[in-house]
Amino acid sequence: MPTHKDLAGDELHPPKAHASSHTGGADDIQAATATQKGLMTATQVGKLNGIASGADKTQSAVAAATAKTALVDGDLLAALDSEDSNTLVTVSLSDLKAFLKTYFDTVYAPIS
């Protein structure tokens, strides 16, 4: 366990918890931001509490998209790249068809 010395003494001891001394809002500990360390604000806690467990920010966009039944080679399909932390990527229909042809050519013998 780490130890430290008090300013007034020479004794080494484990650091004491001091969170209770920061509850009045009179000190100058700043609110945490994307670029600054600090304490979480009530607004930030409220926002986090309002996010559903397992929330997916793309689910509603996909569900609200217009359906298309006649795909053409230039159309793009959305996919998750499993080799890159599941980042969102697109693949064209023509590329998908070429991939599937190559794959199935190795599985099935061509019809003569």
N, C-alpha and C. Protein backbone atom coordinates (compact mmCIF):
# COMPACT_ATOMS: atom_id res chain seq x y z
N MET A 1 0.85 -1.18 0.00
CA MET A 1 0.00 0.00 0.00
C MET A 1 0.90 1.24 0.00
N PRO A 2 0.60 2.24 -0.83
CA PRO A 2 1.42 3.45 -0.85
C PRO A 2 1.30 4.22 0.46
N THR A 3 2.34 4.94 0.79
CA THR A 3 2.32 5.77 1.99
C THR A 3 2.73 7.19 1.64
N HIS A 4 2.44 8.12 2.54
CA HIS A 4 2.86 9.50 2.34
C HIS A 4 3.09 10.16 3.70
N LYS A 5 3.73 11.32 3.67
CA LYS A 5 3.97 12.09 4.90
C LYS A 5 3.00 13.26 4.93
N ASP A 6 2.48 13.53 6.12
CA ASP A 6 1.69 14.74 6.30
C ASP A 6 2.62 15.95 6.24
N LEU A 7 2.08 17.09 5.86
CA LEU A 7 2.89 18.31 5.83
C LEU A 7 3.35 18.69 7.23
N ALA A 8 2.54 18.38 8.24
CA ALA A 8 2.86 18.80 9.61
C ALA A 8 3.73 17.78 10.35
N GLY A 9 3.90 16.59 9.80
CA GLY A 9 4.65 15.57 10.55
C GLY A 9 5.58 14.79 9.66
N ASP A 10 6.33 13.93 10.31
CA ASP A 10 7.29 13.11 9.58
C ASP A 10 6.86 11.65 9.50
N GLU A 11 5.68 11.32 9.98
CA GLU A 11 5.25 9.93 10.02
C GLU A 11 4.69 9.49 8.67
N LEU A 12 5.11 8.30 8.25
CA LEU A 12 4.55 7.70 7.04
C LEU A 12 3.29 6.94 7.40
N HIS A 13 2.26 7.10 6.61
CA HIS A 13 1.01 6.36 6.83
C HIS A 13 0.25 6.28 5.51
N PRO A 14 -0.70 5.34 5.41
CA PRO A 14 -1.50 5.26 4.18
C PRO A 14 -2.28 6.55 3.99
N PRO A 15 -2.50 6.96 2.74
CA PRO A 15 -3.30 8.17 2.51
C PRO A 15 -4.71 8.00 3.06
N LYS A 16 -5.25 9.07 3.58
CA LYS A 16 -6.60 9.03 4.14
C LYS A 16 -7.60 9.46 3.07
N ALA A 17 -8.77 8.84 3.11
CA ALA A 17 -9.83 9.23 2.19
C ALA A 17 -10.22 10.67 2.47
N HIS A 18 -10.46 11.43 1.43
CA HIS A 18 -10.81 12.84 1.63
C HIS A 18 -12.00 13.27 0.77
N ALA A 19 -12.72 12.31 0.22
CA ALA A 19 -13.86 12.67 -0.63
C ALA A 19 -14.89 13.47 0.14
N SER A 20 -15.05 13.16 1.42
CA SER A 20 -16.07 13.86 2.20
C SER A 20 -15.77 15.34 2.34
N SER A 21 -14.53 15.74 2.16
CA SER A 21 -14.20 17.15 2.28
C SER A 21 -14.52 17.94 1.01
N HIS A 22 -14.97 17.27 -0.02
CA HIS A 22 -15.29 17.94 -1.28
C HIS A 22 -16.79 17.96 -1.58
N THR A 23 -17.62 17.84 -0.57
CA THR A 23 -19.05 17.74 -0.82
C THR A 23 -19.77 19.08 -0.77
N GLY A 24 -19.16 20.12 -0.24
CA GLY A 24 -19.84 21.39 -0.10
C GLY A 24 -19.82 22.26 -1.33
N GLY A 25 -18.99 21.95 -2.29
CA GLY A 25 -18.91 22.74 -3.51
C GLY A 25 -18.12 24.03 -3.36
N ALA A 26 -17.42 24.21 -2.24
CA ALA A 26 -16.69 25.45 -2.03
C ALA A 26 -15.26 25.39 -2.56
N ASP A 27 -14.75 24.20 -2.83
CA ASP A 27 -13.39 24.12 -3.34
C ASP A 27 -13.37 24.31 -4.85
N ASP A 28 -12.18 24.33 -5.42
CA ASP A 28 -12.07 24.64 -6.85
C ASP A 28 -11.75 23.41 -7.71
N ILE A 29 -12.20 22.22 -7.29
CA ILE A 29 -12.04 21.05 -8.15
C ILE A 29 -12.99 21.24 -9.32
N GLN A 30 -12.46 21.14 -10.52
CA GLN A 30 -13.24 21.44 -11.72
C GLN A 30 -14.06 20.24 -12.17
N ALA A 31 -15.09 20.52 -12.94
CA ALA A 31 -15.90 19.46 -13.53
C ALA A 31 -15.09 18.75 -14.61
N ALA A 32 -15.24 17.44 -14.68
CA ALA A 32 -14.55 16.66 -15.71
C ALA A 32 -15.14 16.99 -17.08
N THR A 33 -14.26 17.09 -18.07
CA THR A 33 -14.68 17.28 -19.46
C THR A 33 -13.91 16.28 -20.31
N ALA A 34 -14.12 16.31 -21.61
CA ALA A 34 -13.41 15.40 -22.51
C ALA A 34 -11.90 15.66 -22.50
N THR A 35 -11.50 16.88 -22.13
CA THR A 35 -10.07 17.22 -22.17
C THR A 35 -9.50 17.59 -20.81
N GLN A 36 -10.30 17.51 -19.74
CA GLN A 36 -9.84 17.96 -18.43
C GLN A 36 -10.28 16.97 -17.35
N LYS A 37 -9.34 16.61 -16.49
CA LYS A 37 -9.68 15.75 -15.36
C LYS A 37 -10.49 16.56 -14.36
N GLY A 38 -11.35 15.89 -13.61
CA GLY A 38 -12.14 16.55 -12.60
C GLY A 38 -13.20 15.62 -12.06
N LEU A 39 -14.20 16.19 -11.41
CA LEU A 39 -15.29 15.42 -10.84
C LEU A 39 -16.48 15.39 -11.79
N MET A 40 -17.22 14.29 -11.76
CA MET A 40 -18.42 14.18 -12.58
C MET A 40 -19.52 15.07 -12.00
N THR A 41 -20.21 15.80 -12.86
CA THR A 41 -21.27 16.69 -12.42
C THR A 41 -22.60 15.93 -12.35
N ALA A 42 -23.57 16.54 -11.68
CA ALA A 42 -24.91 15.94 -11.60
C ALA A 42 -25.52 15.80 -12.99
N THR A 43 -25.25 16.75 -13.88
CA THR A 43 -25.76 16.68 -15.25
C THR A 43 -25.17 15.47 -15.97
N GLN A 44 -23.87 15.25 -15.80
CA GLN A 44 -23.22 14.10 -16.44
C GLN A 44 -23.77 12.78 -15.90
N VAL A 45 -23.99 12.70 -14.59
CA VAL A 45 -24.56 11.50 -13.99
C VAL A 45 -25.96 11.26 -14.52
N GLY A 46 -26.77 12.32 -14.61
CA GLY A 46 -28.13 12.20 -15.13
C GLY A 46 -28.15 11.69 -16.55
N LYS A 47 -27.22 12.18 -17.37
CA LYS A 47 -27.16 11.72 -18.76
C LYS A 47 -26.79 10.24 -18.82
N LEU A 48 -25.80 9.84 -18.04
CA LEU A 48 -25.41 8.42 -18.02
C LEU A 48 -26.54 7.54 -17.50
N ASN A 49 -27.25 8.00 -16.49
CA ASN A 49 -28.36 7.21 -15.95
C ASN A 49 -29.49 7.06 -16.96
N GLY A 50 -29.58 7.99 -17.91
CA GLY A 50 -30.64 7.94 -18.91
C GLY A 50 -30.34 7.05 -20.10
N ILE A 51 -29.14 6.47 -20.15
CA ILE A 51 -28.77 5.60 -21.26
C ILE A 51 -29.11 4.16 -20.90
N ALA A 52 -29.90 3.52 -21.74
CA ALA A 52 -30.30 2.14 -21.48
C ALA A 52 -29.10 1.21 -21.57
N SER A 53 -29.11 0.18 -20.74
CA SER A 53 -28.06 -0.83 -20.80
C SER A 53 -28.07 -1.50 -22.17
N GLY A 54 -26.91 -1.57 -22.81
CA GLY A 54 -26.83 -2.18 -24.14
C GLY A 54 -27.34 -1.28 -25.25
N ALA A 55 -27.46 0.02 -25.00
CA ALA A 55 -27.97 0.94 -26.02
C ALA A 55 -27.09 0.91 -27.26
N ASP A 56 -27.72 1.09 -28.42
CA ASP A 56 -27.02 1.05 -29.70
C ASP A 56 -27.46 2.26 -30.50
N LYS A 57 -26.54 3.21 -30.73
CA LYS A 57 -26.92 4.46 -31.38
C LYS A 57 -27.27 4.28 -32.86
N THR A 58 -26.92 3.15 -33.47
CA THR A 58 -27.24 2.96 -34.89
C THR A 58 -28.53 2.18 -35.11
N GLN A 59 -29.05 1.55 -34.07
CA GLN A 59 -30.23 0.70 -34.23
C GLN A 59 -31.43 1.47 -34.77
N SER A 60 -31.73 2.64 -34.22
CA SER A 60 -32.90 3.39 -34.68
C SER A 60 -32.70 3.91 -36.09
N ALA A 61 -31.47 4.27 -36.45
CA ALA A 61 -31.20 4.75 -37.81
C ALA A 61 -31.42 3.64 -38.83
N VAL A 62 -30.98 2.44 -38.50
CA VAL A 62 -31.18 1.31 -39.41
C VAL A 62 -32.66 0.96 -39.51
N ALA A 63 -33.34 0.93 -38.37
CA ALA A 63 -34.76 0.58 -38.38
C ALA A 63 -35.60 1.60 -39.14
N ALA A 64 -35.18 2.86 -39.14
CA ALA A 64 -35.95 3.91 -39.80
C ALA A 64 -35.60 4.07 -41.28
N ALA A 65 -34.60 3.35 -41.75
CA ALA A 65 -34.16 3.49 -43.14
C ALA A 65 -35.24 2.98 -44.10
N THR A 66 -35.27 3.57 -45.29
CA THR A 66 -36.22 3.17 -46.33
C THR A 66 -35.80 1.81 -46.90
N ALA A 67 -36.78 0.93 -47.06
CA ALA A 67 -36.50 -0.39 -47.62
C ALA A 67 -36.28 -0.29 -49.13
N LYS A 68 -35.41 -1.15 -49.65
CA LYS A 68 -35.14 -1.20 -51.08
C LYS A 68 -35.12 -2.67 -51.48
N THR A 69 -35.90 -3.04 -52.49
CA THR A 69 -35.99 -4.45 -52.87
C THR A 69 -35.19 -4.78 -54.12
N ALA A 70 -34.88 -3.81 -54.96
CA ALA A 70 -34.13 -4.07 -56.19
C ALA A 70 -32.73 -3.48 -56.04
N LEU A 71 -31.80 -4.29 -55.54
CA LEU A 71 -30.43 -3.82 -55.33
C LEU A 71 -29.68 -3.76 -56.65
N VAL A 72 -28.77 -2.79 -56.76
CA VAL A 72 -27.89 -2.66 -57.93
C VAL A 72 -26.45 -2.72 -57.45
N ASP A 73 -25.52 -3.00 -58.36
CA ASP A 73 -24.12 -3.22 -57.99
C ASP A 73 -23.50 -2.08 -57.19
N GLY A 74 -23.90 -0.85 -57.44
CA GLY A 74 -23.31 0.29 -56.74
C GLY A 74 -23.86 0.52 -55.35
N ASP A 75 -24.91 -0.20 -54.94
CA ASP A 75 -25.48 -0.02 -53.61
C ASP A 75 -24.47 -0.45 -52.54
N LEU A 76 -24.50 0.24 -51.42
CA LEU A 76 -23.61 -0.07 -50.31
C LEU A 76 -24.39 -0.74 -49.18
N LEU A 77 -23.79 -1.76 -48.60
CA LEU A 77 -24.37 -2.46 -47.46
C LEU A 77 -23.50 -2.18 -46.24
N ALA A 78 -24.12 -2.01 -45.09
CA ALA A 78 -23.38 -1.75 -43.86
C ALA A 78 -22.94 -3.07 -43.25
N ALA A 79 -21.76 -3.05 -42.63
CA ALA A 79 -21.23 -4.24 -41.96
C ALA A 79 -20.35 -3.80 -40.80
N LEU A 80 -20.10 -4.73 -39.88
CA LEU A 80 -19.16 -4.50 -38.79
C LEU A 80 -17.88 -5.25 -39.11
N ASP A 81 -16.75 -4.56 -39.05
CA ASP A 81 -15.45 -5.16 -39.36
C ASP A 81 -14.91 -5.86 -38.11
N SER A 82 -15.03 -7.19 -38.08
CA SER A 82 -14.60 -7.96 -36.90
C SER A 82 -13.09 -7.94 -36.72
N GLU A 83 -12.34 -7.58 -37.73
CA GLU A 83 -10.88 -7.50 -37.61
C GLU A 83 -10.41 -6.12 -37.15
N ASP A 84 -11.36 -5.17 -36.99
CA ASP A 84 -11.00 -3.81 -36.57
C ASP A 84 -11.97 -3.31 -35.50
N SER A 85 -12.07 -4.06 -34.41
CA SER A 85 -12.89 -3.67 -33.25
C SER A 85 -14.34 -3.39 -33.61
N ASN A 86 -14.87 -4.11 -34.58
CA ASN A 86 -16.26 -3.96 -35.01
C ASN A 86 -16.61 -2.54 -35.44
N THR A 87 -15.69 -1.88 -36.13
CA THR A 87 -16.00 -0.56 -36.68
C THR A 87 -16.99 -0.72 -37.82
N LEU A 88 -17.80 0.29 -38.02
CA LEU A 88 -18.80 0.28 -39.08
C LEU A 88 -18.13 0.53 -40.42
N VAL A 89 -18.37 -0.35 -41.38
CA VAL A 89 -17.81 -0.24 -42.72
C VAL A 89 -18.92 -0.47 -43.74
N THR A 90 -18.62 -0.18 -45.01
CA THR A 90 -19.57 -0.48 -46.08
C THR A 90 -18.92 -1.40 -47.09
N VAL A 91 -19.74 -2.17 -47.76
CA VAL A 91 -19.29 -3.03 -48.85
C VAL A 91 -20.29 -2.88 -49.98
N SER A 92 -19.79 -2.77 -51.21
CA SER A 92 -20.71 -2.62 -52.34
C SER A 92 -21.31 -3.98 -52.68
N LEU A 93 -22.47 -3.96 -53.29
CA LEU A 93 -23.12 -5.20 -53.69
C LEU A 93 -22.25 -5.95 -54.68
N SER A 94 -21.59 -5.24 -55.59
CA SER A 94 -20.73 -5.93 -56.57
C SER A 94 -19.55 -6.62 -55.87
N ASP A 95 -18.97 -6.00 -54.84
CA ASP A 95 -17.89 -6.65 -54.10
C ASP A 95 -18.41 -7.87 -53.33
N LEU A 96 -19.59 -7.76 -52.77
CA LEU A 96 -20.17 -8.89 -52.05
C LEU A 96 -20.42 -10.06 -52.99
N LYS A 97 -20.96 -9.77 -54.18
CA LYS A 97 -21.21 -10.85 -55.15
C LYS A 97 -19.90 -11.50 -55.58
N ALA A 98 -18.85 -10.73 -55.80
CA ALA A 98 -17.55 -11.28 -56.19
C ALA A 98 -16.98 -12.16 -55.07
N PHE A 99 -17.12 -11.72 -53.83
CA PHE A 99 -16.66 -12.52 -52.70
C PHE A 99 -17.41 -13.84 -52.63
N LEU A 100 -18.74 -13.77 -52.75
CA LEU A 100 -19.54 -14.99 -52.66
C LEU A 100 -19.22 -15.95 -53.80
N LYS A 101 -19.00 -15.43 -55.01
CA LYS A 101 -18.65 -16.30 -56.14
C LYS A 101 -17.34 -17.02 -55.86
N THR A 102 -16.34 -16.28 -55.41
CA THR A 102 -15.04 -16.88 -55.10
C THR A 102 -15.18 -17.95 -54.02
N TYR A 103 -15.95 -17.64 -53.00
CA TYR A 103 -16.15 -18.60 -51.91
C TYR A 103 -16.86 -19.86 -52.41
N PHE A 104 -17.98 -19.69 -53.10
CA PHE A 104 -18.76 -20.86 -53.52
C PHE A 104 -18.07 -21.65 -54.62
N ASP A 105 -17.19 -21.02 -55.40
CA ASP A 105 -16.41 -21.76 -56.39
C ASP A 105 -15.48 -22.77 -55.72
N THR A 106 -15.08 -22.50 -54.47
CA THR A 106 -14.21 -23.45 -53.76
C THR A 106 -15.01 -24.54 -53.07
N VAL A 107 -16.31 -24.34 -52.91
CA VAL A 107 -17.15 -25.30 -52.19
C VAL A 107 -17.86 -26.25 -53.15
N TYR A 108 -18.33 -25.73 -54.27
CA TYR A 108 -19.12 -26.52 -55.21
C TYR A 108 -18.41 -26.60 -56.56
N ALA A 109 -18.58 -27.73 -57.22
CA ALA A 109 -18.03 -27.90 -58.57
C ALA A 109 -18.91 -27.14 -59.55
N PRO A 110 -18.31 -26.47 -60.54
CA PRO A 110 -19.11 -25.74 -61.53
C PRO A 110 -19.95 -26.70 -62.37
N ILE A 111 -21.11 -26.22 -62.79
CA ILE A 111 -21.99 -27.01 -63.66
C ILE A 111 -21.49 -26.86 -65.08
N SER A 112 -21.34 -28.02 -65.79
CA SER A 112 -20.84 -27.95 -67.16
C SER A 112 -21.97 -27.97 -68.15
